[in-house]
Structure formats: C-alpha cells, structure tokens
Amino acid sequence: MENSNATRERIVRALNRVRPYLQNDGGDIELVEITDDMVVKVRLKGACHGCPFSLQTLKAGVEQAIMQEVPEVKKVISA
C-alpha cells in the first residue's frame, strides 16, 4: 500500500486522541492491522474488552475518530 507508514501514523494519532477516554474507564486500545482494502482492526483491552458498550465505543468513538483523521478507511472492526 502506498504511503502505508503515513497512513499508519495518522491512524495511531487518531487512536491516541480516544485513548485517554478509554483509559479513564480502565481500558485501552491496540492497533492490530490495516488491511489492503483499508479496514482497520483494533483490540480493546482492559475494562473495555468484553464491556457491554464496547461495540458502541468502537463504532461511535474509535471508528469516527479514525475516519475523521483518515477518510480513506472503510471501517473499523474488533480483532
């Protein structure tokens, strides 16, 4: 993928913007993979892993932040 390092850096920057909110609730997030078709795979950790609101957090918080920073991302899924 062209500019994959720059894309990865932008995704990490977006994750770093939402990370403090997750950490306030005892959780965290890890970037697992960026597929060739621009699907971002992340892993929720700590209190966020298995939380009943984790899907909402992933879609409304994490996906929105990443897609705002990196519009070419198609979707964000849990690894």
C-alpha atoms as a PDB file:
ATOM      1  CA  MET A   1       0.000   0.000   0.000  1.00  0.00           C
ATOM      2  CA  GLU A   2       1.316   3.384  -0.963  1.00  0.00           C
ATOM      3  CA  ASN A   3       2.165   5.687   1.958  1.00  0.00           C
ATOM      4  CA  SER A   4       1.379   2.916   4.436  1.00  0.00           C
ATOM      5  CA  ASN A   5       3.668   4.388   7.104  1.00  0.00           C
ATOM      6  CA  ALA A   6       1.993   7.786   6.825  1.00  0.00           C
ATOM      7  CA  THR A   7      -1.456   6.176   6.942  1.00  0.00           C
ATOM      8  CA  ARG A   8      -0.470   4.104   9.977  1.00  0.00           C
ATOM      9  CA  GLU A   9       0.840   7.228  11.743  1.00  0.00           C
ATOM     10  CA  ARG A  10      -2.448   9.053  11.092  1.00  0.00           C
ATOM     11  CA  ILE A  11      -4.442   6.103  12.449  1.00  0.00           C
ATOM     12  CA  VAL A  12      -2.235   5.911  15.546  1.00  0.00           C
ATOM     13  CA  ARG A  13      -2.704   9.659  16.050  1.00  0.00           C
ATOM     14  CA  ALA A  14      -6.491   9.171  15.970  1.00  0.00           C
ATOM     15  CA  LEU A  15      -6.242   6.270  18.428  1.00  0.00           C
ATOM     16  CA  ASN A  16      -4.121   8.412  20.732  1.00  0.00           C
ATOM     17  CA  ARG A  17      -6.916  11.013  20.746  1.00  0.00           C
ATOM     18  CA  VAL A  18      -9.506   8.485  22.024  1.00  0.00           C
ATOM     19  CA  ARG A  19      -7.130   6.500  24.256  1.00  0.00           C
ATOM     20  CA  PRO A  20      -7.465   8.826  27.324  1.00  0.00           C
ATOM     21  CA  TYR A  21     -11.252   8.284  27.352  1.00  0.00           C
ATOM     22  CA  LEU A  22     -10.776   4.520  27.282  1.00  0.00           C
ATOM     23  CA  GLN A  23      -8.091   4.679  29.968  1.00  0.00           C
ATOM     24  CA  ASN A  24     -10.404   6.731  32.205  1.00  0.00           C
ATOM     25  CA  ASP A  25     -12.708   3.704  32.198  1.00  0.00           C
ATOM     26  CA  GLY A  26      -9.852   1.265  32.877  1.00  0.00           C
ATOM     27  CA  GLY A  27      -9.380   0.184  29.279  1.00  0.00           C
ATOM     28  CA  ASP A  28      -7.101   0.731  26.319  1.00  0.00           C
ATOM     29  CA  ILE A  29      -6.883   0.048  22.596  1.00  0.00           C
ATOM     30  CA  GLU A  30      -4.295  -1.549  20.348  1.00  0.00           C
ATOM     31  CA  LEU A  31      -3.900  -1.280  16.569  1.00  0.00           C
ATOM     32  CA  VAL A  32      -3.716  -4.829  15.225  1.00  0.00           C
ATOM     33  CA  GLU A  33      -3.784  -4.488  11.440  1.00  0.00           C
ATOM     34  CA  ILE A  34      -4.599  -2.249   8.499  1.00  0.00           C
ATOM     35  CA  THR A  35      -5.766  -4.439   5.628  1.00  0.00           C
ATOM     36  CA  ASP A  36      -5.051  -3.717   1.965  1.00  0.00           C
ATOM     37  CA  ASP A  37      -8.707  -2.747   1.499  1.00  0.00           C
ATOM     38  CA  MET A  38      -8.416  -0.141   4.306  1.00  0.00           C
ATOM     39  CA  VAL A  39     -10.186  -1.982   7.114  1.00  0.00           C
ATOM     40  CA  VAL A  40      -8.614  -1.171  10.486  1.00  0.00           C
ATOM     41  CA  LYS A  41      -8.523  -3.980  13.046  1.00  0.00           C
ATOM     42  CA  VAL A  42      -8.175  -2.958  16.682  1.00  0.00           C
ATOM     43  CA  ARG A  43      -8.240  -4.777  20.005  1.00  0.00           C
ATOM     44  CA  LEU A  44      -9.989  -3.291  23.020  1.00  0.00           C
ATOM     45  CA  LYS A  45      -8.117  -4.144  26.215  1.00  0.00           C
ATOM     46  CA  GLY A  46      -8.611  -3.985  29.952  1.00  0.00           C
ATOM     47  CA  ALA A  47     -12.085  -2.996  31.143  1.00  0.00           C
ATOM     48  CA  CYS A  48     -13.129  -2.246  27.541  1.00  0.00           C
ATOM     49  CA  HIS A  49     -12.622  -5.875  26.490  1.00  0.00           C
ATOM     50  CA  GLY A  50     -15.968  -7.595  26.858  1.00  0.00           C
ATOM     51  CA  CYS A  51     -17.756  -4.470  28.094  1.00  0.00           C
ATOM     52  CA  PRO A  52     -21.428  -4.373  27.017  1.00  0.00           C
ATOM     53  CA  PHE A  53     -20.791  -0.956  25.461  1.00  0.00           C
ATOM     54  CA  SER A  54     -17.640  -1.985  23.571  1.00  0.00           C
ATOM     55  CA  LEU A  55     -19.363  -2.174  20.164  1.00  0.00           C
ATOM     56  CA  GLN A  56     -20.840   1.291  20.692  1.00  0.00           C
ATOM     57  CA  THR A  57     -17.423   2.575  21.788  1.00  0.00           C
ATOM     58  CA  LEU A  58     -15.818   1.000  18.738  1.00  0.00           C
ATOM     59  CA  LYS A  59     -18.307   2.427  16.223  1.00  0.00           C
ATOM     60  CA  ALA A  60     -19.269   5.787  17.744  1.00  0.00           C
ATOM     61  CA  GLY A  61     -15.910   6.690  19.259  1.00  0.00           C
ATOM     62  CA  VAL A  62     -12.985   4.862  17.707  1.00  0.00           C
ATOM     63  CA  GLU A  63     -14.270   4.435  14.144  1.00  0.00           C
ATOM     64  CA  GLN A  64     -15.486   8.027  13.986  1.00  0.00           C
ATOM     65  CA  ALA A  65     -12.137   9.376  15.231  1.00  0.00           C
ATOM     66  CA  ILE A  66     -10.135   7.260  12.779  1.00  0.00           C
ATOM     67  CA  MET A  67     -12.339   8.050   9.782  1.00  0.00           C
ATOM     68  CA  GLN A  68     -12.176  11.761  10.597  1.00  0.00           C
ATOM     69  CA  GLU A  69      -8.373  11.608  10.569  1.00  0.00           C
ATOM     70  CA  VAL A  70      -8.075   9.066   7.728  1.00  0.00           C
ATOM     71  CA  PRO A  71     -11.139   9.309   5.431  1.00  0.00           C
ATOM     72  CA  GLU A  72      -9.892   6.512   3.179  1.00  0.00           C
ATOM     73  CA  VAL A  73     -10.505   3.970   5.958  1.00  0.00           C
ATOM     74  CA  LYS A  74     -13.598   1.897   5.071  1.00  0.00           C
ATOM     75  CA  LYS A  75     -14.428   0.603   8.560  1.00  0.00           C
ATOM     76  CA  VAL A  76     -13.010  -0.289  11.956  1.00  0.00           C
ATOM     77  CA  ILE A  77     -13.551  -3.757  13.389  1.00  0.00           C
ATOM     78  CA  SER A  78     -12.586  -5.610  16.541  1.00  0.00           C
ATOM     79  CA  ALA A  79      -9.811  -8.161  16.058  1.00  0.00           C
END
